[in-house]
Structure formats: structure tokens, C-alpha cells
PDB file of N, CA and C in Angstrom:
ATOM      1  N   UNK A   1      59.574  65.352  91.037  1.00  0.00           N
ATOM      2  CA  UNK A   1      58.172  65.039  90.969  1.00  0.00           C
ATOM      3  C   UNK A   1      57.838  64.157  89.774  1.00  0.00           C
ATOM      4  N   UNK A   2      58.537  64.372  88.694  1.00  0.00           N
ATOM      5  CA  UNK A   2      58.276  63.578  87.509  1.00  0.00           C
ATOM      6  C   UNK A   2      58.572  62.105  87.754  1.00  0.00           C
ATOM      7  N   UNK A   3      59.583  61.857  88.584  1.00  0.00           N
ATOM      8  CA  UNK A   3      59.971  60.475  88.811  1.00  0.00           C
ATOM      9  C   UNK A   3      58.893  59.720  89.599  1.00  0.00           C
ATOM     10  N   UNK A   4      58.115  60.396  90.438  1.00  0.00           N
ATOM     11  CA  UNK A   4      57.049  59.732  91.178  1.00  0.00           C
ATOM     12  C   UNK A   4      55.938  59.247  90.262  1.00  0.00           C
ATOM     13  N   UNK A   5      55.588  60.063  89.305  1.00  0.00           N
ATOM     14  CA  UNK A   5      54.527  59.661  88.380  1.00  0.00           C
ATOM     15  C   UNK A   5      54.985  58.522  87.481  1.00  0.00           C
ATOM     16  N   UNK A   6      56.223  58.522  87.110  1.00  0.00           N
ATOM     17  CA  UNK A   6      56.754  57.470  86.252  1.00  0.00           C
ATOM     18  C   UNK A   6      56.775  56.144  86.994  1.00  0.00           C
ATOM     19  N   UNK A   7      56.981  56.175  88.298  1.00  0.00           N
ATOM     20  CA  UNK A   7      57.024  54.946  89.058  1.00  0.00           C
ATOM     21  C   UNK A   7      55.630  54.423  89.360  1.00  0.00           C
ATOM     22  N   UNK A   8      54.626  55.285  89.461  1.00  0.00           N
ATOM     23  CA  UNK A   8      53.276  54.844  89.779  1.00  0.00           C
ATOM     24  C   UNK A   8      52.603  54.164  88.589  1.00  0.00           C
ATOM     25  N   UNK A   9      52.906  54.545  87.394  1.00  0.00           N
ATOM     26  CA  UNK A   9      52.260  53.974  86.211  1.00  0.00           C
ATOM     27  C   UNK A   9      52.539  52.481  86.050  1.00  0.00           C
ATOM     28  N   UNK A  10      53.768  52.005  86.148  1.00  0.00           N
ATOM     29  CA  UNK A  10      53.996  50.559  86.022  1.00  0.00           C
ATOM     30  C   UNK A  10      53.341  49.779  87.156  1.00  0.00           C
ATOM     31  N   UNK A  11      53.217  50.347  88.317  1.00  0.00           N
ATOM     32  CA  UNK A  11      52.571  49.654  89.430  1.00  0.00           C
ATOM     33  C   UNK A  11      51.093  49.441  89.133  1.00  0.00           C
ATOM     34  N   UNK A  12      50.454  50.399  88.487  1.00  0.00           N
ATOM     35  CA  UNK A  12      49.036  50.252  88.148  1.00  0.00           C
ATOM     36  C   UNK A  12      48.835  49.168  87.107  1.00  0.00           C
ATOM     37  N   UNK A  13      49.772  49.058  86.186  1.00  0.00           N
ATOM     38  CA  UNK A  13      49.661  48.018  85.149  1.00  0.00           C
ATOM     39  C   UNK A  13      49.835  46.632  85.749  1.00  0.00           C
ATOM     40  N   UNK A  14      50.695  46.475  86.690  1.00  0.00           N
ATOM     41  CA  UNK A  14      50.915  45.166  87.291  1.00  0.00           C
ATOM     42  C   UNK A  14      49.709  44.739  88.128  1.00  0.00           C
ATOM     43  N   UNK A  15      49.014  45.686  88.739  1.00  0.00           N
ATOM     44  CA  UNK A  15      47.809  45.350  89.493  1.00  0.00           C
ATOM     45  C   UNK A  15      46.713  44.842  88.563  1.00  0.00           C
ATOM     46  N   UNK A  16      46.550  45.455  87.402  1.00  0.00           N
ATOM     47  CA  UNK A  16      45.547  45.016  86.443  1.00  0.00           C
ATOM     48  C   UNK A  16      45.922  43.656  85.870  1.00  0.00           C
ATOM     49  N   UNK A  17      47.194  43.428  85.641  1.00  0.00           N
ATOM     50  CA  UNK A  17      47.645  42.143  85.114  1.00  0.00           C
ATOM     51  C   UNK A  17      47.496  41.048  86.165  1.00  0.00           C
ATOM     52  N   UNK A  18      47.638  41.401  87.419  1.00  0.00           N
ATOM     53  CA  UNK A  18      47.511  40.419  88.488  1.00  0.00           C
ATOM     54  C   UNK A  18      46.069  39.954  88.653  1.00  0.00           C
ATOM     55  N   UNK A  19      45.098  40.770  88.232  1.00  0.00           N
ATOM     56  CA  UNK A  19      43.696  40.387  88.354  1.00  0.00           C
ATOM     57  C   UNK A  19      43.355  39.235  87.419  1.00  0.00           C
ATOM     58  N   UNK A  20      44.086  39.090  86.307  1.00  0.00           N
ATOM     59  CA  UNK A  20      43.863  37.992  85.383  1.00  0.00           C
ATOM     60  C   UNK A  20      42.699  38.277  84.454  1.00  0.00           C
ATOM     61  N   UNK A  21      42.323  37.298  83.657  1.00  0.00           N
ATOM     62  CA  UNK A  21      41.259  37.506  82.672  1.00  0.00           C
ATOM     63  C   UNK A  21      39.876  37.639  83.312  1.00  0.00           C
ATOM     64  N   UNK A  22      39.727  37.185  84.543  1.00  0.00           N
ATOM     65  CA  UNK A  22      38.412  37.275  85.183  1.00  0.00           C
ATOM     66  C   UNK A  22      38.035  38.701  85.533  1.00  0.00           C
ATOM     67  N   UNK A  23      38.992  39.576  85.614  1.00  0.00           N
ATOM     68  CA  UNK A  23      38.713  40.972  85.905  1.00  0.00           C
ATOM     69  C   UNK A  23      38.331  41.764  84.671  1.00  0.00           C
ATOM     70  N   UNK A  24      38.436  41.154  83.509  1.00  0.00           N
ATOM     71  CA  UNK A  24      38.165  41.830  82.244  1.00  0.00           C
ATOM     72  C   UNK A  24      36.681  41.657  81.875  1.00  0.00           C
ATOM     73  N   UNK A  25      35.945  42.744  81.630  1.00  0.00           N
ATOM     74  CA  UNK A  25      34.532  42.616  81.255  1.00  0.00           C
ATOM     75  C   UNK A  25      34.335  41.915  79.909  1.00  0.00           C
ATOM     76  N   UNK A  26      35.315  41.983  79.040  1.00  0.00           N
ATOM     77  CA  UNK A  26      35.220  41.301  77.750  1.00  0.00           C
ATOM     78  C   UNK A  26      35.155  39.795  77.944  1.00  0.00           C
ATOM     79  N   UNK A  27      35.845  39.288  78.941  1.00  0.00           N
ATOM     80  CA  UNK A  27      35.820  37.860  79.247  1.00  0.00           C
ATOM     81  C   UNK A  27      34.397  37.404  79.584  1.00  0.00           C
ATOM     82  N   UNK A  28      33.710  38.190  80.397  1.00  0.00           N
ATOM     83  CA  UNK A  28      32.342  37.827  80.762  1.00  0.00           C
ATOM     84  C   UNK A  28      31.394  37.910  79.575  1.00  0.00           C
ATOM     85  N   UNK A  29      31.610  38.877  78.705  1.00  0.00           N
ATOM     86  CA  UNK A  29      30.761  38.995  77.515  1.00  0.00           C
ATOM     87  C   UNK A  29      30.956  37.790  76.588  1.00  0.00           C
ATOM     88  N   UNK A  30      32.185  37.342  76.444  1.00  0.00           N
ATOM     89  CA  UNK A  30      32.465  36.159  75.632  1.00  0.00           C
ATOM     90  C   UNK A  30      31.831  34.923  76.266  1.00  0.00           C
ATOM     91  N   UNK A  31      31.932  34.797  77.555  1.00  0.00           N
ATOM     92  CA  UNK A  31      31.340  33.641  78.243  1.00  0.00           C
ATOM     93  C   UNK A  31      29.814  33.635  78.111  1.00  0.00           C
ATOM     94  N   UNK A  32      29.190  34.785  78.202  1.00  0.00           N
ATOM     95  CA  UNK A  32      27.738  34.873  78.028  1.00  0.00           C
ATOM     96  C   UNK A  32      27.367  34.514  76.591  1.00  0.00           C
ATOM     97  N   UNK A  33      28.161  34.944  75.638  1.00  0.00           N
ATOM     98  CA  UNK A  33      27.916  34.598  74.238  1.00  0.00           C
ATOM     99  C   UNK A  33      27.996  33.101  74.000  1.00  0.00           C
ATOM    100  N   UNK A  34      28.993  32.452  74.582  1.00  0.00           N
ATOM    101  CA  UNK A  34      29.130  30.994  74.451  1.00  0.00           C
ATOM    102  C   UNK A  34      27.958  30.300  75.118  1.00  0.00           C
ATOM    103  N   UNK A  35      27.533  30.776  76.269  1.00  0.00           N
ATOM    104  CA  UNK A  35      26.389  30.197  76.974  1.00  0.00           C
ATOM    105  C   UNK A  35      25.114  30.316  76.138  1.00  0.00           C
ATOM    106  N   UNK A  36      24.878  31.496  75.571  1.00  0.00           N
ATOM    107  CA  UNK A  36      23.677  31.704  74.745  1.00  0.00           C
ATOM    108  C   UNK A  36      23.705  30.786  73.522  1.00  0.00           C
ATOM    109  N   UNK A  37      24.873  30.626  72.918  1.00  0.00           N
ATOM    110  CA  UNK A  37      25.021  29.760  71.758  1.00  0.00           C
ATOM    111  C   UNK A  37      24.658  28.329  72.093  1.00  0.00           C
ATOM    112  N   UNK A  38      25.194  27.814  73.196  1.00  0.00           N
ATOM    113  CA  UNK A  38      24.960  26.421  73.536  1.00  0.00           C
ATOM    114  C   UNK A  38      23.555  26.165  74.064  1.00  0.00           C
ATOM    115  N   UNK A  39      22.954  27.123  74.731  1.00  0.00           N
ATOM    116  CA  UNK A  39      21.640  26.902  75.321  1.00  0.00           C
ATOM    117  C   UNK A  39      20.473  27.228  74.387  1.00  0.00           C
ATOM    118  N   UNK A  40      20.672  28.089  73.430  1.00  0.00           N
ATOM    119  CA  UNK A  40      19.574  28.502  72.568  1.00  0.00           C
ATOM    120  C   UNK A  40      19.704  28.004  71.139  1.00  0.00           C
ATOM    121  N   UNK A  41      20.843  28.158  70.528  1.00  0.00           N
ATOM    122  CA  UNK A  41      20.974  27.871  69.117  1.00  0.00           C
ATOM    123  C   UNK A  41      21.095  26.381  68.829  1.00  0.00           C
ATOM    124  N   UNK A  42      21.893  25.659  69.590  1.00  0.00           N
ATOM    125  CA  UNK A  42      22.097  24.240  69.331  1.00  0.00           C
ATOM    126  C   UNK A  42      20.819  23.406  69.499  1.00  0.00           C
ATOM    127  N   UNK A  43      20.025  23.587  70.560  1.00  0.00           N
ATOM    128  CA  UNK A  43      18.785  22.811  70.654  1.00  0.00           C
ATOM    129  C   UNK A  43      17.788  23.129  69.535  1.00  0.00           C
ATOM    130  N   UNK A  44      17.702  24.374  69.122  1.00  0.00           N
ATOM    131  CA  UNK A  44      16.768  24.699  68.046  1.00  0.00           C
ATOM    132  C   UNK A  44      17.249  24.112  66.726  1.00  0.00           C
ATOM    133  N   UNK A  45      18.552  24.035  66.535  1.00  0.00           N
ATOM    134  CA  UNK A  45      19.095  23.416  65.323  1.00  0.00           C
ATOM    135  C   UNK A  45      18.755  21.931  65.301  1.00  0.00           C
ATOM    136  N   UNK A  46      18.894  21.264  66.437  1.00  0.00           N
ATOM    137  CA  UNK A  46      18.559  19.844  66.542  1.00  0.00           C
ATOM    138  C   UNK A  46      17.072  19.624  66.275  1.00  0.00           C
ATOM    139  N   UNK A  47      16.230  20.505  66.794  1.00  0.00           N
ATOM    140  CA  UNK A  47      14.790  20.378  66.586  1.00  0.00           C
ATOM    141  C   UNK A  47      14.432  20.564  65.105  1.00  0.00           C
ATOM    142  N   UNK A  48      15.090  21.505  64.428  1.00  0.00           N
ATOM    143  CA  UNK A  48      14.841  21.692  62.991  1.00  0.00           C
ATOM    144  C   UNK A  48      15.242  20.462  62.196  1.00  0.00           C
ATOM    145  N   UNK A  49      16.338  19.805  62.567  1.00  0.00           N
ATOM    146  CA  UNK A  49      16.776  18.591  61.892  1.00  0.00           C
ATOM    147  C   UNK A  49      15.762  17.465  62.091  1.00  0.00           C
ATOM    148  N   UNK A  50      15.248  17.323  63.312  1.00  0.00           N
ATOM    149  CA  UNK A  50      14.253  16.290  63.591  1.00  0.00           C
ATOM    150  C   UNK A  50      12.969  16.545  62.810  1.00  0.00           C
ATOM    151  N   UNK A  51      12.546  17.805  62.713  1.00  0.00           N
ATOM    152  CA  UNK A  51      11.341  18.166  61.957  1.00  0.00           C
ATOM    153  C   UNK A  51      11.540  17.844  60.479  1.00  0.00           C
ATOM    154  N   UNK A  52      12.712  18.166  59.934  1.00  0.00           N
ATOM    155  CA  UNK A  52      12.985  17.886  58.521  1.00  0.00           C
ATOM    156  C   UNK A  52      13.003  16.385  58.259  1.00  0.00           C
ATOM    157  N   UNK A  53      13.557  15.600  59.174  1.00  0.00           N
ATOM    158  CA  UNK A  53      13.578  14.143  59.014  1.00  0.00           C
ATOM    159  C   UNK A  53      12.163  13.569  59.074  1.00  0.00           C
ATOM    160  N   UNK A  54      11.334  14.122  59.963  1.00  0.00           N
ATOM    161  CA  UNK A  54       9.952  13.654  60.062  1.00  0.00           C
ATOM    162  C   UNK A  54       9.193  13.965  58.778  1.00  0.00           C
ATOM    163  N   UNK A  55       9.362  15.166  58.238  1.00  0.00           N
ATOM    164  CA  UNK A  55       8.662  15.534  57.008  1.00  0.00           C
ATOM    165  C   UNK A  55       9.153  14.729  55.819  1.00  0.00           C
ATOM    166  N   UNK A  56      10.408  14.333  55.829  1.00  0.00           N
ATOM    167  CA  UNK A  56      10.932  13.526  54.733  1.00  0.00           C
ATOM    168  C   UNK A  56      10.393  12.097  54.782  1.00  0.00           C
ATOM    169  N   UNK A  57       9.969  11.649  55.947  1.00  0.00           N
ATOM    170  CA  UNK A  57       9.508  10.269  56.095  1.00  0.00           C
ATOM    171  C   UNK A  57       8.020  10.089  55.817  1.00  0.00           C
ATOM    172  N   UNK A  58       7.267  11.159  55.647  1.00  0.00           N
ATOM    173  CA  UNK A  58       5.827  10.988  55.426  1.00  0.00           C
ATOM    174  C   UNK A  58       5.563  10.492  54.010  1.00  0.00           C
ATOM    175  N   UNK A  59       4.477   9.736  53.881  1.00  0.00           N
ATOM    176  CA  UNK A  59       4.072   9.195  52.593  1.00  0.00           C
ATOM    177  C   UNK A  59       2.556   9.041  52.599  1.00  0.00           C
ATOM    178  N   UNK A  60       1.936   8.829  51.446  1.00  0.00           N
ATOM    179  CA  UNK A  60       0.476   8.655  51.428  1.00  0.00           C
ATOM    180  C   UNK A  60       0.056   7.509  52.351  1.00  0.00           C
ATOM    181  N   UNK A  61      -0.977   7.764  53.114  1.00  0.00           N
ATOM    182  CA  UNK A  61      -1.468   6.789  54.085  1.00  0.00           C
ATOM    183  C   UNK A  61      -1.013   7.072  55.506  1.00  0.00           C
ATOM    184  N   UNK A  62      -0.043   7.931  55.680  1.00  0.00           N
ATOM    185  CA  UNK A  62       0.437   8.265  57.030  1.00  0.00           C
ATOM    186  C   UNK A  62      -0.594   9.116  57.748  1.00  0.00           C
ATOM    187  N   UNK A  63      -0.813   8.815  59.020  1.00  0.00           N
ATOM    188  CA  UNK A  63      -1.707   9.640  59.830  1.00  0.00           C
ATOM    189  C   UNK A  63      -0.881  10.737  60.464  1.00  0.00           C
ATOM    190  N   UNK A  64      -1.402  11.969  60.407  1.00  0.00           N
ATOM    191  CA  UNK A  64      -0.661  13.132  60.881  1.00  0.00           C
ATOM    192  C   UNK A  64      -1.534  14.006  61.759  1.00  0.00           C
ATOM    193  N   UNK A  65      -0.893  14.898  62.476  1.00  0.00           N
ATOM    194  CA  UNK A  65      -1.566  15.939  63.251  1.00  0.00           C
ATOM    195  C   UNK A  65      -0.975  17.267  62.787  1.00  0.00           C
ATOM    196  N   UNK A  66      -1.848  18.222  62.454  1.00  0.00           N
ATOM    197  CA  UNK A  66      -1.375  19.539  62.038  1.00  0.00           C
ATOM    198  C   UNK A  66      -1.261  20.461  63.246  1.00  0.00           C
ATOM    199  N   UNK A  67      -0.661  21.623  63.038  1.00  0.00           N
ATOM    200  CA  UNK A  67      -0.482  22.589  64.115  1.00  0.00           C
ATOM    201  C   UNK A  67      -1.819  23.094  64.646  1.00  0.00           C
ATOM    202  N   UNK A  68      -2.849  23.070  63.818  1.00  0.00           N
ATOM    203  CA  UNK A  68      -4.157  23.536  64.260  1.00  0.00           C
ATOM    204  C   UNK A  68      -4.975  22.430  64.924  1.00  0.00           C
ATOM    205  N   UNK A  69      -4.397  21.228  65.018  1.00  0.00           N
ATOM    206  CA  UNK A  69      -5.073  20.136  65.712  1.00  0.00           C
ATOM    207  C   UNK A  69      -5.878  19.223  64.817  1.00  0.00           C
ATOM    208  N   UNK A  70      -5.803  19.369  63.520  1.00  0.00           N
ATOM    209  CA  UNK A  70      -6.528  18.502  62.596  1.00  0.00           C
ATOM    210  C   UNK A  70      -5.782  17.181  62.470  1.00  0.00           C
ATOM    211  N   UNK A  71      -6.528  16.094  62.674  1.00  0.00           N
ATOM    212  CA  UNK A  71      -5.962  14.755  62.537  1.00  0.00           C
ATOM    213  C   UNK A  71      -6.504  14.160  61.257  1.00  0.00           C
ATOM    214  N   UNK A  72      -5.620  13.653  60.432  1.00  0.00           N
ATOM    215  CA  UNK A  72      -6.053  13.070  59.172  1.00  0.00           C
ATOM    216  C   UNK A  72      -4.976  12.195  58.589  1.00  0.00           C
ATOM    217  N   UNK A  73      -5.292  11.624  57.428  1.00  0.00           N
ATOM    218  CA  UNK A  73      -4.311  10.799  56.734  1.00  0.00           C
ATOM    219  C   UNK A  73      -3.973  11.453  55.406  1.00  0.00           C
ATOM    220  N   UNK A  74      -2.743  11.276  54.982  1.00  0.00           N
ATOM    221  CA  UNK A  74      -2.274  11.903  53.753  1.00  0.00           C
ATOM    222  C   UNK A  74      -2.838  11.153  52.561  1.00  0.00           C
ATOM    223  N   UNK A  75      -3.474  11.906  51.654  1.00  0.00           N
ATOM    224  CA  UNK A  75      -4.018  11.338  50.429  1.00  0.00           C
ATOM    225  C   UNK A  75      -2.978  11.441  49.323  1.00  0.00           C
ATOM    226  N   UNK A  76      -2.408  12.628  49.158  1.00  0.00           N
ATOM    227  CA  UNK A  76      -1.399  12.798  48.111  1.00  0.00           C
ATOM    228  C   UNK A  76      -0.399  13.866  48.514  1.00  0.00           C
ATOM    229  N   UNK A  77       0.811  13.689  48.021  1.00  0.00           N
ATOM    230  CA  UNK A  77       1.848  14.688  48.192  1.00  0.00           C
ATOM    231  C   UNK A  77       2.799  14.560  47.009  1.00  0.00           C
ATOM    232  N   UNK A  78       3.355  15.681  46.618  1.00  0.00           N
ATOM    233  CA  UNK A  78       4.294  15.693  45.499  1.00  0.00           C
ATOM    234  C   UNK A  78       5.647  16.125  46.017  1.00  0.00           C
ATOM    235  N   UNK A  79       6.682  15.425  45.568  1.00  0.00           N
ATOM    236  CA  UNK A  79       8.040  15.795  45.943  1.00  0.00           C
ATOM    237  C   UNK A  79       8.369  17.159  45.362  1.00  0.00           C
ATOM    238  N   UNK A  80       9.003  17.985  46.143  1.00  0.00           N
ATOM    239  CA  UNK A  80       9.391  19.312  45.693  1.00  0.00           C
ATOM    240  C   UNK A  80       8.324  20.368  45.919  1.00  0.00           C
ATOM    241  N   UNK A  81       7.137  19.973  46.335  1.00  0.00           N
ATOM    242  CA  UNK A  81       6.077  20.936  46.634  1.00  0.00           C
ATOM    243  C   UNK A  81       5.848  20.976  48.131  1.00  0.00           C
ATOM    244  N   UNK A  82       5.362  22.108  48.597  1.00  0.00           N
ATOM    245  CA  UNK A  82       5.132  22.295  50.026  1.00  0.00           C
ATOM    246  C   UNK A  82       3.696  21.947  50.417  1.00  0.00           C
ATOM    247  N   UNK A  83       2.860  21.651  49.456  1.00  0.00           N
ATOM    248  CA  UNK A  83       1.435  21.437  49.710  1.00  0.00           C
ATOM    249  C   UNK A  83       1.105  19.952  49.655  1.00  0.00           C
ATOM    250  N   UNK A  84       0.311  19.490  50.632  1.00  0.00           N
ATOM    251  CA  UNK A  84      -0.159  18.112  50.641  1.00  0.00           C
ATOM    252  C   UNK A  84      -1.666  18.104  50.827  1.00  0.00           C
ATOM    253  N   UNK A  85      -2.298  16.999  50.465  1.00  0.00           N
ATOM    254  CA  UNK A  85      -3.744  16.835  50.626  1.00  0.00           C
ATOM    255  C   UNK A  85      -3.964  15.776  51.692  1.00  0.00           C
ATOM    256  N   UNK A  86      -4.770  16.130  52.705  1.00  0.00           N
ATOM    257  CA  UNK A  86      -5.089  15.169  53.759  1.00  0.00           C
ATOM    258  C   UNK A  86      -6.589  14.931  53.775  1.00  0.00           C
ATOM    259  N   UNK A  87      -6.963  13.765  54.282  1.00  0.00           N
ATOM    260  CA  UNK A  87      -8.369  13.415  54.424  1.00  0.00           C
ATOM    261  C   UNK A  87      -8.657  13.279  55.908  1.00  0.00           C
ATOM    262  N   UNK A  88      -9.685  14.007  56.345  1.00  0.00           N
ATOM    263  CA  UNK A  88     -10.106  13.956  57.728  1.00  0.00           C
ATOM    264  C   UNK A  88     -11.607  13.741  57.719  1.00  0.00           C
ATOM    265  N   UNK A  89     -12.059  12.579  58.172  1.00  0.00           N
ATOM    266  CA  UNK A  89     -13.468  12.169  58.119  1.00  0.00           C
ATOM    267  C   UNK A  89     -13.940  12.209  56.669  1.00  0.00           C
ATOM    268  N   UNK A  90     -14.904  13.078  56.357  1.00  0.00           N
ATOM    269  CA  UNK A  90     -15.460  13.132  55.008  1.00  0.00           C
ATOM    270  C   UNK A  90     -14.926  14.299  54.192  1.00  0.00           C
ATOM    271  N   UNK A  91     -13.914  14.959  54.664  1.00  0.00           N
ATOM    272  CA  UNK A  91     -13.416  16.135  53.948  1.00  0.00           C
ATOM    273  C   UNK A  91     -11.948  15.982  53.579  1.00  0.00           C
ATOM    274  N   UNK A  92     -11.599  16.652  52.494  1.00  0.00           N
ATOM    275  CA  UNK A  92     -10.204  16.698  52.071  1.00  0.00           C
ATOM    276  C   UNK A  92      -9.713  18.127  52.231  1.00  0.00           C
ATOM    277  N   UNK A  93      -8.515  18.262  52.750  1.00  0.00           N
ATOM    278  CA  UNK A  93      -7.937  19.574  53.001  1.00  0.00           C
ATOM    279  C   UNK A  93      -6.557  19.655  52.370  1.00  0.00           C
ATOM    280  N   UNK A  94      -6.208  20.834  51.888  1.00  0.00           N
ATOM    281  CA  UNK A  94      -4.847  21.101  51.433  1.00  0.00           C
ATOM    282  C   UNK A  94      -4.147  21.883  52.538  1.00  0.00           C
ATOM    283  N   UNK A  95      -3.006  21.363  52.968  1.00  0.00           N
ATOM    284  CA  UNK A  95      -2.224  22.029  54.001  1.00  0.00           C
ATOM    285  C   UNK A  95      -0.770  22.058  53.564  1.00  0.00           C
ATOM    286  N   UNK A  96       0.006  22.884  54.215  1.00  0.00           N
ATOM    287  CA  UNK A  96       1.439  22.922  53.926  1.00  0.00           C
ATOM    288  C   UNK A  96       2.164  21.898  54.795  1.00  0.00           C
ATOM    289  N   UNK A  97       3.312  21.469  54.316  1.00  0.00           N
ATOM    290  CA  UNK A  97       4.102  20.503  55.089  1.00  0.00           C
ATOM    291  C   UNK A  97       4.558  21.095  56.417  1.00  0.00           C
ATOM    292  N   UNK A  98       4.790  22.383  56.443  1.00  0.00           N
ATOM    293  CA  UNK A  98       5.271  23.032  57.664  1.00  0.00           C
ATOM    294  C   UNK A  98       4.241  22.986  58.787  1.00  0.00           C
ATOM    295  N   UNK A  99       2.968  22.765  58.451  1.00  0.00           N
ATOM    296  CA  UNK A  99       1.938  22.728  59.489  1.00  0.00           C
ATOM    297  C   UNK A  99       1.844  21.365  60.166  1.00  0.00           C
ATOM    298  N   UNK A 100       2.571  20.377  59.687  1.00  0.00           N
ATOM    299  CA  UNK A 100       2.559  19.052  60.311  1.00  0.00           C
ATOM    300  C   UNK A 100       3.475  19.072  61.526  1.00  0.00           C
ATOM    301  N   UNK A 101       2.912  18.700  62.667  1.00  0.00           N
ATOM    302  CA  UNK A 101       3.700  18.701  63.896  1.00  0.00           C
ATOM    303  C   UNK A 101       4.020  17.297  64.397  1.00  0.00           C
ATOM    304  N   UNK A 102       3.237  16.299  63.961  1.00  0.00           N
ATOM    305  CA  UNK A 102       3.479  14.940  64.447  1.00  0.00           C
ATOM    306  C   UNK A 102       2.952  13.925  63.451  1.00  0.00           C
ATOM    307  N   UNK A 103       3.660  12.831  63.320  1.00  0.00           N
ATOM    308  CA  UNK A 103       3.217  11.715  62.503  1.00  0.00           C
ATOM    309  C   UNK A 103       2.783  10.618  63.461  1.00  0.00           C
ATOM    310  N   UNK A 104       1.525  10.171  63.312  1.00  0.00           N
ATOM    311  CA  UNK A 104       0.989   9.164  64.221  1.00  0.00           C
ATOM    312  C   UNK A 104       1.283   7.751  63.761  1.00  0.00           C
ATOM    313  N   UNK A 105       1.580   7.557  62.498  1.00  0.00           N
ATOM    314  CA  UNK A 105       1.881   6.225  61.958  1.00  0.00           C
ATOM    315  C   UNK A 105       1.063   6.004  60.704  1.00  0.00           C
ATOM    316  N   UNK A 106       1.056   4.762  60.242  1.00  0.00           N
ATOM    317  CA  UNK A 106       0.304   4.416  59.035  1.00  0.00           C
ATOM    318  C   UNK A 106      -1.144   4.135  59.397  1.00  0.00           C
ATOM    319  N   UNK A 107      -2.026   4.448  58.451  1.00  0.00           N
ATOM    320  CA  UNK A 107      -3.451   4.215  58.667  1.00  0.00           C
ATOM    321  C   UNK A 107      -3.735   2.726  58.521  1.00  0.00           C
ATOM    322  N   UNK A 108      -4.627   2.196  59.369  1.00  0.00           N
ATOM    323  CA  UNK A 108      -4.995   0.781  59.280  1.00  0.00           C
ATOM    324  C   UNK A 108      -5.815   0.548  58.023  1.00  0.00           C
ATOM    325  N   UNK A 109      -5.476  -0.489  57.288  1.00  0.00           N
ATOM    326  CA  UNK A 109      -6.182  -0.817  56.044  1.00  0.00           C
ATOM    327  C   UNK A 109      -7.460  -1.599  56.326  1.00  0.00           C
ATOM    328  N   UNK A 110      -7.670  -2.076  57.547  1.00  0.00           N
ATOM    329  CA  UNK A 110      -8.835  -2.906  57.871  1.00  0.00           C
ATOM    330  C   UNK A 110     -10.105  -2.102  58.063  1.00  0.00           C
ATOM    331  N   UNK A 111     -10.029  -0.775  58.116  1.00  0.00           N
ATOM    332  CA  UNK A 111     -11.214   0.043  58.382  1.00  0.00           C
ATOM    333  C   UNK A 111     -12.106   0.130  57.184  1.00  0.00           C
TER     334      UNK A 111
END
């Protein structure tokens, strides 16, 4: 009787090995992890780089749009500080650089 059990064990191992890596749940977990990495993390990293490049390119006179929808032109900004002063119509506002979502271009000097 002992010999029957000894012979059945190697047969079970060969069946699992014959299934290949696709039969392993760890394989699917790794594949899902790679998918999540490429679909979620990489695009957000690219977007952060584009936002940083846009913020680095602003200068006094640039027209901007803030996250709250305020459109104005930059009056002053200091390197190394997160706060800028914008002018919108007759008012001046202090906002953070992180609130800028779009740069519209330079303000026309002919106005």
C-alpha cells in the first residue's frame, strides 16, 4: 500500500508543472500589478512633469487660469516661493503656484 501513495505523489507534481505559469495565481497577481503600474502611475507621472514645466515657464505678464476659474495676469512672483500675485480686472490676488492650471500666453501690451 505504501508503494501506491509514493507513486501518486510524483504524478500530481507533473500535472501541476504541465499547467505552466498560467495556472499559478501569483502570475496573475504580478500581471495585474504591471498593468496597474503602466495604466495609472506612468500617466500621472507624465502629467506632474508637464505641470512642473508649465509652472517653471511662467513669468510676470503671463496670463493664467487658476483652478477656481480666475483669469488674470501675473504681477509678481519670487523664485523659491510658492506664492504669486495676479491682477484680475481691478483687483490683485495672492495665489499659490499649485492653483495654476493653464497658461494662456503673454498679456498684450497694446491694451
